[in-house]
PDB file of all heavy atoms in Angstrom:
ATOM      1  N   HIS A   1     -25.399  12.764   1.199  1.00  0.00           N
ATOM      2  CA  HIS A   1     -26.508  12.208   0.436  1.00  0.00           C
ATOM      3  C   HIS A   1     -26.444  10.697   0.387  1.00  0.00           C
ATOM      4  O   HIS A   1     -27.492  10.019   0.363  1.00  0.00           O
ATOM      5  CB  HIS A   1     -26.559  12.760  -1.007  1.00  0.00           C
ATOM      6  CG  HIS A   1     -26.910  14.216  -1.020  1.00  0.00           C
ATOM      7  ND1 HIS A   1     -26.881  14.922  -2.187  1.00  0.00           N
ATOM      8  CD2 HIS A   1     -27.274  15.095  -0.091  1.00  0.00           C
ATOM      9  CE1 HIS A   1     -27.241  16.165  -1.955  1.00  0.00           C
ATOM     10  NE2 HIS A   1     -27.498  16.294  -0.666  1.00  0.00           N
ATOM     11  N   LEU A   2     -25.250  10.096   0.358  1.00  0.00           N
ATOM     12  CA  LEU A   2     -25.102   8.646   0.292  1.00  0.00           C
ATOM     13  C   LEU A   2     -25.282   8.005   1.643  1.00  0.00           C
ATOM     14  O   LEU A   2     -25.291   6.775   1.719  1.00  0.00           O
ATOM     15  CB  LEU A   2     -23.745   8.299  -0.279  1.00  0.00           C
ATOM     16  CG  LEU A   2     -23.454   8.779  -1.714  1.00  0.00           C
ATOM     17  CD1 LEU A   2     -22.021   8.498  -2.082  1.00  0.00           C
ATOM     18  CD2 LEU A   2     -24.440   8.099  -2.678  1.00  0.00           C
ATOM     19  N   GLY A   3     -25.430   8.817   2.689  1.00  0.00           N
ATOM     20  CA  GLY A   3     -25.622   8.222   4.014  1.00  0.00           C
ATOM     21  C   GLY A   3     -24.322   7.742   4.688  1.00  0.00           C
ATOM     22  O   GLY A   3     -24.332   7.028   5.646  1.00  0.00           O
ATOM     23  N   LEU A   4     -23.181   8.192   4.118  1.00  0.00           N
ATOM     24  CA  LEU A   4     -21.874   7.857   4.739  1.00  0.00           C
ATOM     25  C   LEU A   4     -21.676   8.625   6.037  1.00  0.00           C
ATOM     26  O   LEU A   4     -20.786   8.264   6.815  1.00  0.00           O
ATOM     27  CB  LEU A   4     -20.711   8.123   3.744  1.00  0.00           C
ATOM     28  CG  LEU A   4     -20.799   7.343   2.412  1.00  0.00           C
ATOM     29  CD1 LEU A   4     -19.638   7.747   1.516  1.00  0.00           C
ATOM     30  CD2 LEU A   4     -20.900   5.856   2.645  1.00  0.00           C
ATOM     31  N   CYS A   5     -22.451   9.675   6.215  1.00  0.00           N
ATOM     32  CA  CYS A   5     -22.458  10.431   7.456  1.00  0.00           C
ATOM     33  C   CYS A   5     -23.814  11.170   7.524  1.00  0.00           C
ATOM     34  O   CYS A   5     -24.620  11.103   6.592  1.00  0.00           O
ATOM     35  CB  CYS A   5     -21.344  11.482   7.452  1.00  0.00           C
ATOM     36  SG  CYS A   5     -21.451  12.745   6.123  1.00  0.00           S
ATOM     37  N   GLU A   6     -24.109  11.728   8.668  1.00  0.00           N
ATOM     38  CA  GLU A   6     -25.307  12.485   8.888  1.00  0.00           C
ATOM     39  C   GLU A   6     -25.343  13.743   8.040  1.00  0.00           C
ATOM     40  O   GLU A   6     -24.214  14.322   7.808  1.00  0.00           O
ATOM     41  CB  GLU A   6     -25.501  12.839  10.344  1.00  0.00           C
ATOM     42  CG  GLU A   6     -25.710  11.601  11.281  1.00  0.00           C
ATOM     43  CD  GLU A   6     -26.964  10.851  10.899  1.00  0.00           C
ATOM     44  OE1 GLU A   6     -28.010  11.469  10.609  1.00  0.00           O
ATOM     45  OE2 GLU A   6     -26.899   9.590  10.909  1.00  0.00           O
ATOM     46  N   PRO A   7     -26.486  14.283   7.642  1.00  0.00           N
ATOM     47  CA  PRO A   7     -26.516  15.600   6.956  1.00  0.00           C
ATOM     48  C   PRO A   7     -25.807  16.655   7.809  1.00  0.00           C
ATOM     49  O   PRO A   7     -25.919  16.699   9.036  1.00  0.00           O
ATOM     50  CB  PRO A   7     -28.031  15.863   6.876  1.00  0.00           C
ATOM     51  CG  PRO A   7     -28.661  14.498   6.876  1.00  0.00           C
ATOM     52  CD  PRO A   7     -27.827  13.698   7.829  1.00  0.00           C
ATOM     53  N   GLY A   8     -25.010  17.445   7.128  1.00  0.00           N
ATOM     54  CA  GLY A   8     -24.273  18.516   7.745  1.00  0.00           C
ATOM     55  C   GLY A   8     -22.895  18.078   8.295  1.00  0.00           C
ATOM     56  O   GLY A   8     -22.138  18.857   8.792  1.00  0.00           O
ATOM     57  N   GLN A   9     -22.576  16.741   8.180  1.00  0.00           N
ATOM     58  CA  GLN A   9     -21.308  16.249   8.721  1.00  0.00           C
ATOM     59  C   GLN A   9     -20.301  15.863   7.674  1.00  0.00           C
ATOM     60  O   GLN A   9     -19.205  15.338   8.024  1.00  0.00           O
ATOM     61  CB  GLN A   9     -21.600  15.011   9.624  1.00  0.00           C
ATOM     62  CG  GLN A   9     -22.454  15.357  10.847  1.00  0.00           C
ATOM     63  CD  GLN A   9     -21.730  16.301  11.742  1.00  0.00           C
ATOM     64  OE1 GLN A   9     -20.600  16.117  12.133  1.00  0.00           O
ATOM     65  NE2 GLN A   9     -22.394  17.468  11.982  1.00  0.00           N
ATOM     66  N   GLY A  10     -20.546  16.121   6.406  1.00  0.00           N
ATOM     67  CA  GLY A  10     -19.627  15.748   5.324  1.00  0.00           C
ATOM     68  C   GLY A  10     -18.295  16.439   5.485  1.00  0.00           C
ATOM     69  O   GLY A  10     -17.220  15.816   5.269  1.00  0.00           O
ATOM     70  N   GLY A  11     -18.297  17.704   5.793  1.00  0.00           N
ATOM     71  CA  GLY A  11     -17.008  18.438   5.963  1.00  0.00           C
ATOM     72  C   GLY A  11     -16.247  17.886   7.160  1.00  0.00           C
ATOM     73  O   GLY A  11     -15.031  17.666   7.066  1.00  0.00           O
ATOM     74  N   TRP A  12     -16.943  17.623   8.265  1.00  0.00           N
ATOM     75  CA  TRP A  12     -16.269  17.048   9.434  1.00  0.00           C
ATOM     76  C   TRP A  12     -15.697  15.674   9.079  1.00  0.00           C
ATOM     77  O   TRP A  12     -14.551  15.366   9.511  1.00  0.00           O
ATOM     78  CB  TRP A  12     -17.284  16.901  10.573  1.00  0.00           C
ATOM     79  CG  TRP A  12     -16.710  16.278  11.785  1.00  0.00           C
ATOM     80  CD1 TRP A  12     -16.011  16.818  12.804  1.00  0.00           C
ATOM     81  CD2 TRP A  12     -16.761  14.850  12.098  1.00  0.00           C
ATOM     82  NE1 TRP A  12     -15.655  15.933  13.730  1.00  0.00           N
ATOM     83  CE2 TRP A  12     -16.097  14.704  13.311  1.00  0.00           C
ATOM     84  CE3 TRP A  12     -17.259  13.778  11.454  1.00  0.00           C
ATOM     85  CZ2 TRP A  12     -15.911  13.428  13.889  1.00  0.00           C
ATOM     86  CZ3 TRP A  12     -17.133  12.484  12.048  1.00  0.00           C
ATOM     87  CH2 TRP A  12     -16.468  12.371  13.238  1.00  0.00           C
ATOM     88  N   LEU A  13     -16.416  14.853   8.317  1.00  0.00           N
ATOM     89  CA  LEU A  13     -15.971  13.538   7.962  1.00  0.00           C
ATOM     90  C   LEU A  13     -14.618  13.599   7.230  1.00  0.00           C
ATOM     91  O   LEU A  13     -13.678  12.852   7.511  1.00  0.00           O
ATOM     92  CB  LEU A  13     -16.999  12.827   7.112  1.00  0.00           C
ATOM     93  CG  LEU A  13     -16.858  11.354   6.825  1.00  0.00           C
ATOM     94  CD1 LEU A  13     -17.179  10.548   8.060  1.00  0.00           C
ATOM     95  CD2 LEU A  13     -17.800  10.909   5.717  1.00  0.00           C
ATOM     96  N   ALA A  14     -14.537  14.542   6.258  1.00  0.00           N
ATOM     97  CA  ALA A  14     -13.275  14.729   5.535  1.00  0.00           C
ATOM     98  C   ALA A  14     -12.173  15.330   6.391  1.00  0.00           C
ATOM     99  O   ALA A  14     -11.059  14.848   6.362  1.00  0.00           O
ATOM    100  CB  ALA A  14     -13.568  15.618   4.277  1.00  0.00           C
ATOM    101  N   GLU A  15     -12.529  16.331   7.160  1.00  0.00           N
ATOM    102  CA  GLU A  15     -11.569  17.003   8.015  1.00  0.00           C
ATOM    103  C   GLU A  15     -10.919  16.044   9.000  1.00  0.00           C
ATOM    104  O   GLU A  15      -9.704  16.160   9.297  1.00  0.00           O
ATOM    105  CB  GLU A  15     -12.240  18.185   8.773  1.00  0.00           C
ATOM    106  CG  GLU A  15     -11.337  18.993   9.615  1.00  0.00           C
ATOM    107  CD  GLU A  15     -12.061  20.082  10.290  1.00  0.00           C
ATOM    108  OE1 GLU A  15     -13.024  19.777  11.036  1.00  0.00           O
ATOM    109  OE2 GLU A  15     -11.699  21.305  10.113  1.00  0.00           O
ATOM    110  N   GLN A  16     -11.692  15.099   9.515  1.00  0.00           N
ATOM    111  CA  GLN A  16     -11.167  14.111  10.469  1.00  0.00           C
ATOM    112  C   GLN A  16     -10.357  13.018   9.831  1.00  0.00           C
ATOM    113  O   GLN A  16      -9.898  12.116  10.522  1.00  0.00           O
ATOM    114  CB  GLN A  16     -12.301  13.585  11.327  1.00  0.00           C
ATOM    115  CG  GLN A  16     -13.060  14.580  12.158  1.00  0.00           C
ATOM    116  CD  GLN A  16     -12.091  15.293  13.117  1.00  0.00           C
ATOM    117  OE1 GLN A  16     -11.423  14.665  13.906  1.00  0.00           O
ATOM    118  NE2 GLN A  16     -12.087  16.617  13.134  1.00  0.00           N
ATOM    119  N   GLY A  17     -10.307  13.006   8.504  1.00  0.00           N
ATOM    120  CA  GLY A  17      -9.542  11.964   7.773  1.00  0.00           C
ATOM    121  C   GLY A  17     -10.306  10.689   7.541  1.00  0.00           C
ATOM    122  O   GLY A  17      -9.748   9.707   7.054  1.00  0.00           O
ATOM    123  N   HIS A  18     -11.571  10.658   7.791  1.00  0.00           N
ATOM    124  CA  HIS A  18     -12.361   9.439   7.641  1.00  0.00           C
ATOM    125  C   HIS A  18     -12.602   9.039   6.183  1.00  0.00           C
ATOM    126  O   HIS A  18     -12.762   7.881   5.843  1.00  0.00           O
ATOM    127  CB  HIS A  18     -13.740   9.565   8.343  1.00  0.00           C
ATOM    128  CG  HIS A  18     -13.626   9.657   9.791  1.00  0.00           C
ATOM    129  ND1 HIS A  18     -13.071   8.708  10.599  1.00  0.00           N
ATOM    130  CD2 HIS A  18     -14.017  10.710  10.631  1.00  0.00           C
ATOM    131  CE1 HIS A  18     -13.096   9.126  11.840  1.00  0.00           C
ATOM    132  NE2 HIS A  18     -13.669  10.312  11.916  1.00  0.00           N
ATOM    133  N   THR A  19     -12.498  10.069   5.243  1.00  0.00           N
ATOM    134  CA  THR A  19     -12.653   9.770   3.838  1.00  0.00           C
ATOM    135  C   THR A  19     -11.313   9.490   3.136  1.00  0.00           C
ATOM    136  O   THR A  19     -11.288   9.164   1.980  1.00  0.00           O
ATOM    137  CB  THR A  19     -13.401  10.924   3.120  1.00  0.00           C
ATOM    138  OG1 THR A  19     -12.663  12.092   3.230  1.00  0.00           O
ATOM    139  CG2 THR A  19     -14.806  11.073   3.706  1.00  0.00           C
ATOM    140  N   ALA A  20     -10.217   9.678   3.852  1.00  0.00           N
ATOM    141  CA  ALA A  20      -8.901   9.500   3.290  1.00  0.00           C
ATOM    142  C   ALA A  20      -8.554   8.002   3.202  1.00  0.00           C
ATOM    143  O   ALA A  20      -9.213   7.143   3.875  1.00  0.00           O
ATOM    144  CB  ALA A  20      -7.853  10.200   4.137  1.00  0.00           C
ATOM    145  N   LEU A  21      -7.566   7.678   2.396  1.00  0.00           N
ATOM    146  CA  LEU A  21      -7.069   6.303   2.326  1.00  0.00           C
ATOM    147  C   LEU A  21      -6.613   5.909   3.760  1.00  0.00           C
ATOM    148  O   LEU A  21      -5.908   6.649   4.415  1.00  0.00           O
ATOM    149  CB  LEU A  21      -5.903   6.225   1.353  1.00  0.00           C
ATOM    150  CG  LEU A  21      -5.384   4.825   0.998  1.00  0.00           C
ATOM    151  CD1 LEU A  21      -6.551   4.012   0.377  1.00  0.00           C
ATOM    152  CD2 LEU A  21      -4.204   4.906   0.074  1.00  0.00           C
ATOM    153  N   GLY A  22      -7.131   4.797   4.203  1.00  0.00           N
ATOM    154  CA  GLY A  22      -6.873   4.345   5.577  1.00  0.00           C
ATOM    155  C   GLY A  22      -7.882   4.790   6.567  1.00  0.00           C
ATOM    156  O   GLY A  22      -7.963   4.349   7.697  1.00  0.00           O
ATOM    157  N   GLY A  23      -8.793   5.694   6.167  1.00  0.00           N
ATOM    158  CA  GLY A  23      -9.935   6.120   7.007  1.00  0.00           C
ATOM    159  C   GLY A  23     -11.035   5.117   7.033  1.00  0.00           C
ATOM    160  O   GLY A  23     -10.983   4.133   6.282  1.00  0.00           O
ATOM    161  N   ARG A  24     -12.065   5.384   7.832  1.00  0.00           N
ATOM    162  CA  ARG A  24     -13.112   4.422   7.934  1.00  0.00           C
ATOM    163  C   ARG A  24     -14.108   4.466   6.799  1.00  0.00           C
ATOM    164  O   ARG A  24     -14.871   3.555   6.580  1.00  0.00           O
ATOM    165  CB  ARG A  24     -13.861   4.592   9.299  1.00  0.00           C
ATOM    166  CG  ARG A  24     -14.582   5.862   9.464  1.00  0.00           C
ATOM    167  CD  ARG A  24     -15.283   5.944  10.851  1.00  0.00           C
ATOM    168  NE  ARG A  24     -15.948   7.179  11.052  1.00  0.00           N
ATOM    169  CZ  ARG A  24     -17.186   7.407  10.758  1.00  0.00           C
ATOM    170  NH1 ARG A  24     -17.947   6.491  10.187  1.00  0.00           N
ATOM    171  NH2 ARG A  24     -17.718   8.619  10.955  1.00  0.00           N
ATOM    172  N   ARG A  25     -14.120   5.532   5.988  1.00  0.00           N
ATOM    173  CA  ARG A  25     -14.947   5.674   4.837  1.00  0.00           C
ATOM    174  C   ARG A  25     -14.178   6.205   3.637  1.00  0.00           C
ATOM    175  O   ARG A  25     -14.473   7.325   3.189  1.00  0.00           O
ATOM    176  CB  ARG A  25     -16.130   6.653   5.172  1.00  0.00           C
ATOM    177  CG  ARG A  25     -17.017   6.237   6.274  1.00  0.00           C
ATOM    178  CD  ARG A  25     -18.145   5.527   5.706  1.00  0.00           C
ATOM    179  NE  ARG A  25     -19.130   5.234   6.764  1.00  0.00           N
ATOM    180  CZ  ARG A  25     -19.860   4.171   6.715  1.00  0.00           C
ATOM    181  NH1 ARG A  25     -19.834   3.351   5.723  1.00  0.00           N
ATOM    182  NH2 ARG A  25     -20.757   3.962   7.659  1.00  0.00           N
ATOM    183  N   PRO A  26     -13.227   5.485   3.069  1.00  0.00           N
ATOM    184  CA  PRO A  26     -12.427   6.008   1.996  1.00  0.00           C
ATOM    185  C   PRO A  26     -13.335   6.467   0.791  1.00  0.00           C
ATOM    186  O   PRO A  26     -14.145   5.713   0.322  1.00  0.00           O
ATOM    187  CB  PRO A  26     -11.537   4.897   1.588  1.00  0.00           C
ATOM    188  CG  PRO A  26     -11.528   3.943   2.768  1.00  0.00           C
ATOM    189  CD  PRO A  26     -12.847   4.091   3.432  1.00  0.00           C
ATOM    190  N   VAL A  27     -13.083   7.680   0.380  1.00  0.00           N
ATOM    191  CA  VAL A  27     -13.830   8.291  -0.744  1.00  0.00           C
ATOM    192  C   VAL A  27     -12.812   8.842  -1.731  1.00  0.00           C
ATOM    193  O   VAL A  27     -11.903   9.529  -1.352  1.00  0.00           O
ATOM    194  CB  VAL A  27     -14.810   9.393  -0.291  1.00  0.00           C
ATOM    195  CG1 VAL A  27     -15.472  10.040  -1.446  1.00  0.00           C
ATOM    196  CG2 VAL A  27     -15.828   8.784   0.703  1.00  0.00           C
ATOM    197  N   ASN A  28     -13.007   8.503  -2.985  1.00  0.00           N
ATOM    198  CA  ASN A  28     -12.159   8.935  -4.062  1.00  0.00           C
ATOM    199  C   ASN A  28     -10.654   8.661  -3.824  1.00  0.00           C
ATOM    200  O   ASN A  28      -9.822   9.551  -3.933  1.00  0.00           O
ATOM    201  CB  ASN A  28     -12.341  10.411  -4.345  1.00  0.00           C
ATOM    202  CG  ASN A  28     -13.722  10.710  -4.961  1.00  0.00           C
ATOM    203  OD1 ASN A  28     -14.413   9.813  -5.369  1.00  0.00           O
ATOM    204  ND2 ASN A  28     -14.070  11.979  -5.014  1.00  0.00           N
ATOM    205  N   PRO A  29     -10.298   7.406  -3.573  1.00  0.00           N
ATOM    206  CA  PRO A  29      -8.870   7.105  -3.419  1.00  0.00           C
ATOM    207  C   PRO A  29      -8.090   7.369  -4.693  1.00  0.00           C
ATOM    208  O   PRO A  29      -6.858   7.552  -4.682  1.00  0.00           O
ATOM    209  CB  PRO A  29      -8.853   5.631  -3.037  1.00  0.00           C
ATOM    210  CG  PRO A  29     -10.133   5.050  -3.487  1.00  0.00           C
ATOM    211  CD  PRO A  29     -11.119   6.181  -3.393  1.00  0.00           C
ATOM    212  N   SER A  30      -8.783   7.460  -5.822  1.00  0.00           N
ATOM    213  CA  SER A  30      -8.165   7.798  -7.116  1.00  0.00           C
ATOM    214  C   SER A  30      -7.700   9.262  -7.099  1.00  0.00           C
ATOM    215  O   SER A  30      -6.945   9.618  -7.998  1.00  0.00           O
ATOM    216  CB  SER A  30      -9.165   7.540  -8.265  1.00  0.00           C
ATOM    217  OG  SER A  30     -10.198   8.514  -8.219  1.00  0.00           O
ATOM    218  N   GLY A  31      -8.159  10.033  -6.215  1.00  0.00           N
ATOM    219  CA  GLY A  31      -7.895  11.453  -6.230  1.00  0.00           C
ATOM    220  C   GLY A  31      -9.092  12.203  -6.713  1.00  0.00           C
ATOM    221  O   GLY A  31      -9.179  13.440  -6.552  1.00  0.00           O
ATOM    222  N   GLY A  32     -10.086  11.542  -7.280  1.00  0.00           N
ATOM    223  CA  GLY A  32     -11.298  12.198  -7.680  1.00  0.00           C
ATOM    224  C   GLY A  32     -11.051  13.020  -8.971  1.00  0.00           C
ATOM    225  O   GLY A  32      -9.955  13.146  -9.510  1.00  0.00           O
ATOM    226  N   LEU A  33     -12.111  13.700  -9.425  1.00  0.00           N
ATOM    227  CA  LEU A  33     -12.048  14.488 -10.627  1.00  0.00           C
ATOM    228  C   LEU A  33     -11.163  15.703 -10.483  1.00  0.00           C
ATOM    229  O   LEU A  33     -10.550  16.107 -11.460  1.00  0.00           O
ATOM    230  CB  LEU A  33     -13.463  14.952 -11.000  1.00  0.00           C
ATOM    231  CG  LEU A  33     -14.463  13.807 -11.264  1.00  0.00           C
ATOM    232  CD1 LEU A  33     -15.833  14.375 -11.588  1.00  0.00           C
ATOM    233  CD2 LEU A  33     -13.988  12.909 -12.363  1.00  0.00           C
ATOM    234  N   GLU A  34     -11.073  16.251  -9.325  1.00  0.00           N
ATOM    235  CA  GLU A  34     -10.247  17.443  -9.142  1.00  0.00           C
ATOM    236  C   GLU A  34      -8.744  17.098  -9.299  1.00  0.00           C
ATOM    237  O   GLU A  34      -7.963  17.918  -9.674  1.00  0.00           O
ATOM    238  CB  GLU A  34     -10.454  18.054  -7.750  1.00  0.00           C
ATOM    239  CG  GLU A  34     -11.765  18.753  -7.689  1.00  0.00           C
ATOM    240  CD  GLU A  34     -11.894  19.496  -6.373  1.00  0.00           C
ATOM    241  OE1 GLU A  34     -11.386  20.676  -6.342  1.00  0.00           O
ATOM    242  OE2 GLU A  34     -12.499  18.952  -5.422  1.00  0.00           O
ATOM    243  N   SER A  35      -8.436  15.838  -9.050  1.00  0.00           N
ATOM    244  CA  SER A  35      -7.033  15.361  -9.170  1.00  0.00           C
ATOM    245  C   SER A  35      -6.663  15.022 -10.619  1.00  0.00           C
ATOM    246  O   SER A  35      -5.576  15.299 -11.042  1.00  0.00           O
ATOM    247  CB  SER A  35      -6.840  14.157  -8.275  1.00  0.00           C
ATOM    248  OG  SER A  35      -5.655  13.470  -8.588  1.00  0.00           O
TER     249      SER A  35
END
């Protein structure tokens, strides 16, 4: 929804490590609410 990836690619983005610390699109480096 934020346009960080194409629709349908959010899972792939995370699976490939792009949303992890050091990835090209870090998301929730705090660990997020689940953490």
